[in-house]
Amino acid sequence: MTELSPQDRILRWSWQHRLQHLGLLVSVGVLILTGFPIKYAYTTWGRTMAGLFGGFDHLLDVHLAAAALMVVAGLYHIGYIVYYWLRHGPTWDMIPGLKDVRDAVHHALWLVGLRPDRPRYGRYSYLEKFEYFAVFWGFVVMGGSGIVILFPGFASQYMPRWAVDALRVVHSNEAFVALLSLAFGHFFAVHFAPGVFPGSTVWLDGTTTVAHMAEEHPLELEAMGIAVPEVQHTTTAGQRLLLIAEMIGYTLVTFILLDTFVPMFINAVAKP
């Protein structure tokens, strides 16, 4: 086993990972920036934002360009996975398994003080795996509904009018769900949590400290042949704050799903 100082930095993301993350970051960021003024076009701030782009027509053009970038980033990622598998063989690090279920229970018990130790994660924790596949879900839902909205006449040839209207609402509200998930799930856990504040640098230079890896991904360190140093874990109080923030965020997401999507579909189907 190689012994490193807790402050030594090791590579976690290659330039390929950072490039794909950048594509997703830019595309989703611009989609949110340009999409919500369209969603709230009846408000003063929505019209003001549109004015910064030269009007709603130009705002929509930028929105569509960002959507195209998101599609390119998604297809590039899939192509990279295929290429990597063909060259290095398949890897199942991101596939959820029974260990992730046990880790989730273990983590919840630790957060409320019923377990003395944190779960030991490999390259990806159960939260990271959930977030990863949530991106795929959003890619399909937002991309599919966006195409229907862009070409409603063509879509109406293959689906009833109520379905087109329903997908318009789905596209709008799924964007809001995505924003809440990013704010309360990803950004808080990865950049604002007590253990990483003021933010992770992995997305910038691909590296992180051995101490952070020992806290978040000790099994990966062991797989790399690096001795896992003893580190002082994030305080329970800080982790409880993170848990409360995430609970608030995902409670809001659940409320939006139940209060908006389900009634919307029921009303659409019930239309004569």
C-alpha atoms as a PDB file:
ATOM      1  CA  MET A   1       0.000   0.000   0.000  1.00  0.00           C
ATOM      2  CA  THR A   2       1.230   3.483  -0.919  1.00  0.00           C
ATOM      3  CA  GLU A   3       1.079   5.965   1.938  1.00  0.00           C
ATOM      4  CA  LEU A   4       0.243   9.583   1.098  1.00  0.00           C
ATOM      5  CA  SER A   5      -0.313  12.663   3.192  1.00  0.00           C
ATOM      6  CA  PRO A   6      -3.987  13.556   3.799  1.00  0.00           C
ATOM      7  CA  GLN A   7      -3.344  16.847   1.956  1.00  0.00           C
ATOM      8  CA  ASP A   8      -1.811  15.227  -1.126  1.00  0.00           C
ATOM      9  CA  ARG A   9      -3.992  15.551  -4.215  1.00  0.00           C
ATOM     10  CA  ILE A  10      -4.917  12.674  -6.497  1.00  0.00           C
ATOM     11  CA  LEU A  11      -6.640  12.630  -9.869  1.00  0.00           C
ATOM     12  CA  ARG A  12     -10.315  11.674  -9.723  1.00  0.00           C
ATOM     13  CA  TRP A  13     -11.671  13.096 -13.009  1.00  0.00           C
ATOM     14  CA  SER A  14      -9.869  12.961 -16.340  1.00  0.00           C
ATOM     15  CA  TRP A  15     -10.136  15.780 -18.885  1.00  0.00           C
ATOM     16  CA  GLN A  16     -12.879  13.755 -20.578  1.00  0.00           C
ATOM     17  CA  HIS A  17     -14.975  13.750 -17.421  1.00  0.00           C
ATOM     18  CA  ARG A  18     -14.441  17.478 -16.924  1.00  0.00           C
ATOM     19  CA  LEU A  19     -15.300  18.248 -20.553  1.00  0.00           C
ATOM     20  CA  GLN A  20     -18.562  16.292 -20.363  1.00  0.00           C
ATOM     21  CA  HIS A  21     -19.455  17.916 -17.049  1.00  0.00           C
ATOM     22  CA  LEU A  22     -18.762  21.338 -18.567  1.00  0.00           C
ATOM     23  CA  GLY A  23     -21.073  20.601 -21.495  1.00  0.00           C
ATOM     24  CA  LEU A  24     -23.858  19.621 -19.111  1.00  0.00           C
ATOM     25  CA  LEU A  25     -23.163  22.564 -16.803  1.00  0.00           C
ATOM     26  CA  VAL A  26     -23.286  25.165 -19.586  1.00  0.00           C
ATOM     27  CA  SER A  27     -26.273  23.697 -21.403  1.00  0.00           C
ATOM     28  CA  VAL A  28     -28.444  23.170 -18.316  1.00  0.00           C
ATOM     29  CA  GLY A  29     -27.431  26.534 -16.877  1.00  0.00           C
ATOM     30  CA  VAL A  30     -28.417  28.397 -20.039  1.00  0.00           C
ATOM     31  CA  LEU A  31     -31.626  26.358 -20.340  1.00  0.00           C
ATOM     32  CA  ILE A  32     -32.644  27.404 -16.826  1.00  0.00           C
ATOM     33  CA  LEU A  33     -31.613  31.016 -17.427  1.00  0.00           C
ATOM     34  CA  THR A  34     -33.623  31.275 -20.653  1.00  0.00           C
ATOM     35  CA  GLY A  35     -36.457  28.869 -19.876  1.00  0.00           C
ATOM     36  CA  PHE A  36     -37.883  30.424 -16.736  1.00  0.00           C
ATOM     37  CA  PRO A  37     -38.454  33.866 -18.291  1.00  0.00           C
ATOM     38  CA  ILE A  38     -40.554  32.044 -20.906  1.00  0.00           C
ATOM     39  CA  LYS A  39     -42.409  30.108 -18.204  1.00  0.00           C
ATOM     40  CA  TYR A  40     -43.113  33.352 -16.341  1.00  0.00           C
ATOM     41  CA  ALA A  41     -43.496  35.607 -19.366  1.00  0.00           C
ATOM     42  CA  TYR A  42     -46.458  37.356 -17.731  1.00  0.00           C
ATOM     43  CA  THR A  43     -44.245  38.742 -14.943  1.00  0.00           C
ATOM     44  CA  THR A  44     -42.188  41.923 -14.978  1.00  0.00           C
ATOM     45  CA  TRP A  45     -38.934  40.100 -14.281  1.00  0.00           C
ATOM     46  CA  GLY A  46     -39.672  37.599 -17.064  1.00  0.00           C
ATOM     47  CA  ARG A  47     -40.127  40.397 -19.600  1.00  0.00           C
ATOM     48  CA  THR A  48     -37.034  42.159 -18.262  1.00  0.00           C
ATOM     49  CA  MET A  49     -34.938  39.023 -18.722  1.00  0.00           C
ATOM     50  CA  ALA A  50     -36.275  38.569 -22.233  1.00  0.00           C
ATOM     51  CA  GLY A  51     -35.358  42.179 -22.983  1.00  0.00           C
ATOM     52  CA  LEU A  52     -31.732  41.442 -22.123  1.00  0.00           C
ATOM     53  CA  PHE A  53     -31.721  38.942 -24.992  1.00  0.00           C
ATOM     54  CA  GLY A  54     -33.489  41.274 -27.403  1.00  0.00           C
ATOM     55  CA  GLY A  55     -36.972  39.867 -26.912  1.00  0.00           C
ATOM     56  CA  PHE A  56     -38.656  36.515 -26.464  1.00  0.00           C
ATOM     57  CA  ASP A  57     -37.862  35.386 -30.027  1.00  0.00           C
ATOM     58  CA  HIS A  58     -34.110  35.731 -29.451  1.00  0.00           C
ATOM     59  CA  LEU A  59     -34.470  34.267 -25.978  1.00  0.00           C
ATOM     60  CA  LEU A  60     -36.094  31.193 -27.506  1.00  0.00           C
ATOM     61  CA  ASP A  61     -33.258  30.929 -30.049  1.00  0.00           C
ATOM     62  CA  VAL A  62     -30.698  30.839 -27.241  1.00  0.00           C
ATOM     63  CA  HIS A  63     -32.845  28.307 -25.372  1.00  0.00           C
ATOM     64  CA  LEU A  64     -32.941  26.022 -28.422  1.00  0.00           C
ATOM     65  CA  ALA A  65     -29.178  26.369 -28.913  1.00  0.00           C
ATOM     66  CA  ALA A  66     -28.626  25.310 -25.303  1.00  0.00           C
ATOM     67  CA  ALA A  67     -31.005  22.377 -25.815  1.00  0.00           C
ATOM     68  CA  ALA A  68     -28.962  21.310 -28.844  1.00  0.00           C
ATOM     69  CA  LEU A  69     -25.783  21.526 -26.739  1.00  0.00           C
ATOM     70  CA  MET A  70     -27.404  19.352 -24.073  1.00  0.00           C
ATOM     71  CA  VAL A  71     -28.279  16.733 -26.702  1.00  0.00           C
ATOM     72  CA  VAL A  72     -24.719  16.825 -28.054  1.00  0.00           C
ATOM     73  CA  ALA A  73     -23.293  16.508 -24.527  1.00  0.00           C
ATOM     74  CA  GLY A  74     -25.594  13.561 -23.779  1.00  0.00           C
ATOM     75  CA  LEU A  75     -24.778  11.739 -27.017  1.00  0.00           C
ATOM     76  CA  TYR A  76     -21.072  12.428 -26.533  1.00  0.00           C
ATOM     77  CA  HIS A  77     -21.251  10.917 -23.051  1.00  0.00           C
ATOM     78  CA  ILE A  78     -22.968   7.788 -24.348  1.00  0.00           C
ATOM     79  CA  GLY A  79     -20.396   7.516 -27.129  1.00  0.00           C
ATOM     80  CA  TYR A  80     -17.605   7.875 -24.584  1.00  0.00           C
ATOM     81  CA  ILE A  81     -19.080   5.084 -22.476  1.00  0.00           C
ATOM     82  CA  VAL A  82     -19.228   2.767 -25.506  1.00  0.00           C
ATOM     83  CA  TYR A  83     -15.655   3.681 -26.496  1.00  0.00           C
ATOM     84  CA  TYR A  84     -14.367   3.134 -22.953  1.00  0.00           C
ATOM     85  CA  TRP A  85     -16.079  -0.231 -22.674  1.00  0.00           C
ATOM     86  CA  LEU A  86     -14.712  -1.414 -26.010  1.00  0.00           C
ATOM     87  CA  ARG A  87     -11.187  -0.356 -25.108  1.00  0.00           C
ATOM     88  CA  HIS A  88     -11.001  -1.179 -21.381  1.00  0.00           C
ATOM     89  CA  GLY A  89     -13.904  -3.528 -20.829  1.00  0.00           C
ATOM     90  CA  PRO A  90     -17.185  -2.783 -19.033  1.00  0.00           C
ATOM     91  CA  THR A  91     -17.252  -1.177 -15.612  1.00  0.00           C
ATOM     92  CA  TRP A  92     -20.200  -1.432 -13.240  1.00  0.00           C
ATOM     93  CA  ASP A  93     -19.162   1.263 -10.755  1.00  0.00           C
ATOM     94  CA  MET A  94     -22.220   3.393 -11.497  1.00  0.00           C
ATOM     95  CA  ILE A  95     -24.783   0.553 -11.484  1.00  0.00           C
ATOM     96  CA  PRO A  96     -26.874   0.490  -8.267  1.00  0.00           C
ATOM     97  CA  GLY A  97     -26.814  -2.710  -6.230  1.00  0.00           C
ATOM     98  CA  LEU A  98     -27.785  -4.146  -2.875  1.00  0.00           C
ATOM     99  CA  LYS A  99     -24.795  -2.454  -1.246  1.00  0.00           C
ATOM    100  CA  ASP A 100     -26.301   0.906  -2.178  1.00  0.00           C
ATOM    101  CA  VAL A 101     -29.518  -0.013  -0.370  1.00  0.00           C
ATOM    102  CA  ARG A 102     -27.528  -0.985   2.715  1.00  0.00           C
ATOM    103  CA  ASP A 103     -25.427   2.182   2.421  1.00  0.00           C
ATOM    104  CA  ALA A 104     -28.565   4.334   2.225  1.00  0.00           C
ATOM    105  CA  VAL A 105     -29.959   2.811   5.431  1.00  0.00           C
ATOM    106  CA  HIS A 106     -26.540   3.006   7.108  1.00  0.00           C
ATOM    107  CA  HIS A 107     -26.151   6.648   6.072  1.00  0.00           C
ATOM    108  CA  ALA A 108     -29.598   7.612   7.362  1.00  0.00           C
ATOM    109  CA  LEU A 109     -28.903   5.955  10.717  1.00  0.00           C
ATOM    110  CA  TRP A 110     -25.524   7.688  10.964  1.00  0.00           C
ATOM    111  CA  LEU A 111     -27.022  11.081  10.163  1.00  0.00           C
ATOM    112  CA  VAL A 112     -29.428  10.826  13.089  1.00  0.00           C
ATOM    113  CA  GLY A 113     -26.754   9.479  15.426  1.00  0.00           C
ATOM    114  CA  LEU A 114     -27.804   5.824  15.509  1.00  0.00           C
ATOM    115  CA  ARG A 115     -24.594   4.563  13.869  1.00  0.00           C
ATOM    116  CA  PRO A 116     -21.126   5.628  15.037  1.00  0.00           C
ATOM    117  CA  ASP A 117     -19.461   5.362  11.632  1.00  0.00           C
ATOM    118  CA  ARG A 118     -20.204   6.478   8.092  1.00  0.00           C
ATOM    119  CA  PRO A 119     -20.822   3.974   5.303  1.00  0.00           C
ATOM    120  CA  ARG A 120     -17.721   3.156   3.250  1.00  0.00           C
ATOM    121  CA  TYR A 121     -18.321   4.079  -0.367  1.00  0.00           C
ATOM    122  CA  GLY A 122     -16.460   2.972  -3.455  1.00  0.00           C
ATOM    123  CA  ARG A 123     -15.970   5.220  -6.471  1.00  0.00           C
ATOM    124  CA  TYR A 124     -19.592   6.395  -6.332  1.00  0.00           C
ATOM    125  CA  SER A 125     -22.023   6.619  -3.437  1.00  0.00           C
ATOM    126  CA  TYR A 126     -25.694   5.715  -3.709  1.00  0.00           C
ATOM    127  CA  LEU A 127     -26.529   9.442  -3.854  1.00  0.00           C
ATOM    128  CA  GLU A 128     -24.179   9.995  -6.795  1.00  0.00           C
ATOM    129  CA  LYS A 129     -25.672   7.042  -8.639  1.00  0.00           C
ATOM    130  CA  PHE A 130     -29.199   8.355  -8.077  1.00  0.00           C
ATOM    131  CA  GLU A 131     -28.148  11.777  -9.342  1.00  0.00           C
ATOM    132  CA  TYR A 132     -26.477  10.287 -12.399  1.00  0.00           C
ATOM    133  CA  PHE A 133     -29.542   8.362 -13.539  1.00  0.00           C
ATOM    134  CA  ALA A 134     -31.768  11.332 -12.712  1.00  0.00           C
ATOM    135  CA  VAL A 135     -29.865  13.201 -15.429  1.00  0.00           C
ATOM    136  CA  PHE A 136     -30.795  10.491 -17.920  1.00  0.00           C
ATOM    137  CA  TRP A 137     -34.420  10.736 -16.819  1.00  0.00           C
ATOM    138  CA  GLY A 138     -34.372  14.492 -17.275  1.00  0.00           C
ATOM    139  CA  PHE A 139     -32.651  14.138 -20.639  1.00  0.00           C
ATOM    140  CA  VAL A 140     -35.450  11.898 -21.943  1.00  0.00           C
ATOM    141  CA  VAL A 141     -38.347  13.848 -20.398  1.00  0.00           C
ATOM    142  CA  MET A 142     -37.095  17.336 -21.237  1.00  0.00           C
ATOM    143  CA  GLY A 143     -35.765  16.383 -24.653  1.00  0.00           C
ATOM    144  CA  GLY A 144     -38.866  14.435 -25.678  1.00  0.00           C
ATOM    145  CA  SER A 145     -41.356  16.994 -24.433  1.00  0.00           C
ATOM    146  CA  GLY A 146     -39.276  19.815 -25.894  1.00  0.00           C
ATOM    147  CA  ILE A 147     -39.447  18.288 -29.377  1.00  0.00           C
ATOM    148  CA  VAL A 148     -43.233  17.959 -29.069  1.00  0.00           C
ATOM    149  CA  ILE A 149     -43.514  21.624 -28.029  1.00  0.00           C
ATOM    150  CA  LEU A 150     -41.249  22.718 -30.876  1.00  0.00           C
ATOM    151  CA  PHE A 151     -43.232  20.785 -33.481  1.00  0.00           C
ATOM    152  CA  PRO A 152     -46.815  20.631 -32.131  1.00  0.00           C
ATOM    153  CA  GLY A 153     -48.396  20.228 -35.578  1.00  0.00           C
ATOM    154  CA  PHE A 154     -46.249  17.229 -36.419  1.00  0.00           C
ATOM    155  CA  ALA A 155     -46.718  15.724 -32.949  1.00  0.00           C
ATOM    156  CA  SER A 156     -50.507  16.097 -33.216  1.00  0.00           C
ATOM    157  CA  GLN A 157     -50.493  13.626 -36.075  1.00  0.00           C
ATOM    158  CA  TYR A 158     -49.354  10.884 -33.720  1.00  0.00           C
ATOM    159  CA  MET A 159     -50.931  11.823 -30.367  1.00  0.00           C
ATOM    160  CA  PRO A 160     -54.133  13.482 -29.133  1.00  0.00           C
ATOM    161  CA  ARG A 161     -54.230  17.198 -28.427  1.00  0.00           C
ATOM    162  CA  TRP A 162     -54.501  16.648 -24.683  1.00  0.00           C
ATOM    163  CA  ALA A 163     -51.187  14.753 -24.736  1.00  0.00           C
ATOM    164  CA  VAL A 164     -49.458  17.663 -26.488  1.00  0.00           C
ATOM    165  CA  ASP A 165     -50.876  20.063 -23.888  1.00  0.00           C
ATOM    166  CA  ALA A 166     -49.854  17.711 -21.095  1.00  0.00           C
ATOM    167  CA  LEU A 167     -46.269  17.498 -22.356  1.00  0.00           C
ATOM    168  CA  ARG A 168     -46.097  21.290 -22.476  1.00  0.00           C
ATOM    169  CA  VAL A 169     -46.914  21.390 -18.758  1.00  0.00           C
ATOM    170  CA  VAL A 170     -44.547  18.483 -18.074  1.00  0.00           C
ATOM    171  CA  HIS A 171     -41.690  20.325 -19.807  1.00  0.00           C
ATOM    172  CA  SER A 172     -42.285  23.483 -17.797  1.00  0.00           C
ATOM    173  CA  ASN A 173     -42.680  21.845 -14.401  1.00  0.00           C
ATOM    174  CA  GLU A 174     -39.952  19.241 -14.871  1.00  0.00           C
ATOM    175  CA  ALA A 175     -37.580  22.180 -15.356  1.00  0.00           C
ATOM    176  CA  PHE A 176     -38.662  23.500 -11.966  1.00  0.00           C
ATOM    177  CA  VAL A 177     -38.119  20.070 -10.418  1.00  0.00           C
ATOM    178  CA  ALA A 178     -34.644  19.936 -11.972  1.00  0.00           C
ATOM    179  CA  LEU A 179     -33.797  23.366 -10.557  1.00  0.00           C
ATOM    180  CA  LEU A 180     -34.859  22.322  -7.054  1.00  0.00           C
ATOM    181  CA  SER A 181     -32.917  19.060  -7.321  1.00  0.00           C
ATOM    182  CA  LEU A 182     -29.774  20.929  -8.398  1.00  0.00           C
ATOM    183  CA  ALA A 183     -30.126  23.519  -5.649  1.00  0.00           C
ATOM    184  CA  PHE A 184     -30.919  21.160  -2.759  1.00  0.00           C
ATOM    185  CA  GLY A 185     -29.300  17.958  -3.976  1.00  0.00           C
ATOM    186  CA  HIS A 186     -26.253  18.553  -6.112  1.00  0.00           C
ATOM    187  CA  PHE A 187     -25.000  22.033  -5.235  1.00  0.00           C
ATOM    188  CA  PHE A 188     -25.528  21.708  -1.507  1.00  0.00           C
ATOM    189  CA  ALA A 189     -24.035  18.231  -1.184  1.00  0.00           C
ATOM    190  CA  VAL A 190     -21.103  18.769  -3.556  1.00  0.00           C
ATOM    191  CA  HIS A 191     -20.216  22.429  -3.027  1.00  0.00           C
ATOM    192  CA  PHE A 192     -21.892  23.865   0.076  1.00  0.00           C
ATOM    193  CA  ALA A 193     -21.854  20.973   2.548  1.00  0.00           C
ATOM    194  CA  PRO A 194     -19.657  21.541   5.627  1.00  0.00           C
ATOM    195  CA  GLY A 195     -17.115  18.924   4.521  1.00  0.00           C
ATOM    196  CA  VAL A 196     -16.394  20.524   1.124  1.00  0.00           C
ATOM    197  CA  PHE A 197     -17.270  24.220   1.511  1.00  0.00           C
ATOM    198  CA  PRO A 198     -16.452  26.538  -0.280  1.00  0.00           C
ATOM    199  CA  GLY A 199     -16.670  23.938  -3.033  1.00  0.00           C
ATOM    200  CA  SER A 200     -15.201  20.913  -4.741  1.00  0.00           C
ATOM    201  CA  THR A 201     -12.473  21.534  -7.315  1.00  0.00           C
ATOM    202  CA  VAL A 202     -12.808  18.185  -9.062  1.00  0.00           C
ATOM    203  CA  TRP A 203     -14.797  19.734 -11.910  1.00  0.00           C
ATOM    204  CA  LEU A 204     -12.006  22.290 -12.475  1.00  0.00           C
ATOM    205  CA  ASP A 205      -8.712  20.386 -12.252  1.00  0.00           C
ATOM    206  CA  GLY A 206      -9.945  16.828 -11.710  1.00  0.00           C
ATOM    207  CA  THR A 207      -8.156  16.436  -8.369  1.00  0.00           C
ATOM    208  CA  THR A 208      -9.159  16.146  -4.740  1.00  0.00           C
ATOM    209  CA  THR A 209      -7.317  15.563  -1.496  1.00  0.00           C
ATOM    210  CA  VAL A 210      -6.552  12.171  -0.024  1.00  0.00           C
ATOM    211  CA  ALA A 211      -8.359  13.307   3.141  1.00  0.00           C
ATOM    212  CA  HIS A 212     -11.545  13.987   1.192  1.00  0.00           C
ATOM    213  CA  MET A 213     -11.285  10.643  -0.578  1.00  0.00           C
ATOM    214  CA  ALA A 214     -10.726   8.893   2.752  1.00  0.00           C
ATOM    215  CA  GLU A 215     -13.932  10.469   4.053  1.00  0.00           C
ATOM    216  CA  GLU A 216     -16.121  10.055   0.971  1.00  0.00           C
ATOM    217  CA  HIS A 217     -14.643   7.135  -1.022  1.00  0.00           C
ATOM    218  CA  PRO A 218     -12.326   5.016   1.159  1.00  0.00           C
ATOM    219  CA  LEU A 219     -12.974   1.825  -0.815  1.00  0.00           C
ATOM    220  CA  GLU A 220     -11.767   3.539  -3.981  1.00  0.00           C
ATOM    221  CA  LEU A 221      -8.547   4.550  -2.243  1.00  0.00           C
ATOM    222  CA  GLU A 222      -8.000   0.942  -1.219  1.00  0.00           C
ATOM    223  CA  ALA A 223      -8.662  -0.227  -4.782  1.00  0.00           C
ATOM    224  CA  MET A 224      -5.998   2.260  -5.950  1.00  0.00           C
ATOM    225  CA  GLY A 225      -3.488   0.745  -3.526  1.00  0.00           C
ATOM    226  CA  ILE A 226      -3.376   3.848  -1.315  1.00  0.00           C
ATOM    227  CA  ALA A 227      -3.509   3.505   2.451  1.00  0.00           C
ATOM    228  CA  VAL A 228      -6.587   5.177   3.910  1.00  0.00           C
ATOM    229  CA  PRO A 229      -5.485   7.761   6.496  1.00  0.00           C
ATOM    230  CA  GLU A 230      -7.408   8.539   9.646  1.00  0.00           C
ATOM    231  CA  VAL A 231      -9.426  11.701   9.064  1.00  0.00           C
ATOM    232  CA  GLN A 232     -11.753  13.764  11.193  1.00  0.00           C
ATOM    233  CA  HIS A 233     -15.196  13.347   9.719  1.00  0.00           C
ATOM    234  CA  THR A 234     -17.651  16.161   9.145  1.00  0.00           C
ATOM    235  CA  THR A 235     -19.530  17.001  12.328  1.00  0.00           C
ATOM    236  CA  THR A 236     -22.838  15.305  12.929  1.00  0.00           C
ATOM    237  CA  ALA A 237     -24.468  18.718  13.321  1.00  0.00           C
ATOM    238  CA  GLY A 238     -23.269  19.727   9.870  1.00  0.00           C
ATOM    239  CA  GLN A 239     -24.484  16.506   8.348  1.00  0.00           C
ATOM    240  CA  ARG A 240     -27.860  16.946  10.022  1.00  0.00           C
ATOM    241  CA  LEU A 241     -28.076  20.396   8.439  1.00  0.00           C
ATOM    242  CA  LEU A 242     -27.375  18.788   5.071  1.00  0.00           C
ATOM    243  CA  LEU A 243     -30.036  16.145   5.695  1.00  0.00           C
ATOM    244  CA  ILE A 244     -32.629  18.788   6.625  1.00  0.00           C
ATOM    245  CA  ALA A 245     -31.821  20.824   3.512  1.00  0.00           C
ATOM    246  CA  GLU A 246     -32.099  17.774   1.275  1.00  0.00           C
ATOM    247  CA  MET A 247     -35.353  16.722   2.938  1.00  0.00           C
ATOM    248  CA  ILE A 248     -36.812  20.178   2.296  1.00  0.00           C
ATOM    249  CA  GLY A 249     -35.674  20.092  -1.320  1.00  0.00           C
ATOM    250  CA  TYR A 250     -36.988  16.661  -2.141  1.00  0.00           C
ATOM    251  CA  THR A 251     -40.197  17.322  -0.208  1.00  0.00           C
ATOM    252  CA  LEU A 252     -40.791  20.283  -2.500  1.00  0.00           C
ATOM    253  CA  VAL A 253     -40.035  18.103  -5.519  1.00  0.00           C
ATOM    254  CA  THR A 254     -42.523  15.481  -4.323  1.00  0.00           C
ATOM    255  CA  PHE A 255     -45.140  18.155  -3.672  1.00  0.00           C
ATOM    256  CA  ILE A 256     -44.756  19.531  -7.193  1.00  0.00           C
ATOM    257  CA  LEU A 257     -45.073  16.061  -8.690  1.00  0.00           C
ATOM    258  CA  LEU A 258     -48.217  15.245  -6.719  1.00  0.00           C
ATOM    259  CA  ASP A 259     -49.797  18.684  -6.806  1.00  0.00           C
ATOM    260  CA  THR A 260     -49.139  19.476 -10.468  1.00  0.00           C
ATOM    261  CA  PHE A 261     -48.331  16.486 -12.645  1.00  0.00           C
ATOM    262  CA  VAL A 262     -50.927  14.005 -11.368  1.00  0.00           C
ATOM    263  CA  PRO A 263     -53.915  16.437 -11.389  1.00  0.00           C
ATOM    264  CA  MET A 264     -52.770  17.770 -14.766  1.00  0.00           C
ATOM    265  CA  PHE A 265     -52.894  14.312 -16.346  1.00  0.00           C
ATOM    266  CA  ILE A 266     -56.226  13.507 -14.692  1.00  0.00           C
ATOM    267  CA  ASN A 267     -57.777  16.739 -15.957  1.00  0.00           C
ATOM    268  CA  ALA A 268     -56.332  16.244 -19.435  1.00  0.00           C
ATOM    269  CA  VAL A 269     -57.701  12.707 -19.731  1.00  0.00           C
ATOM    270  CA  ALA A 270     -61.090  13.814 -18.387  1.00  0.00           C
ATOM    271  CA  LYS A 271     -61.490  16.490 -21.074  1.00  0.00           C
ATOM    272  CA  PRO A 272     -64.299  15.697 -23.546  1.00  0.00           C
END
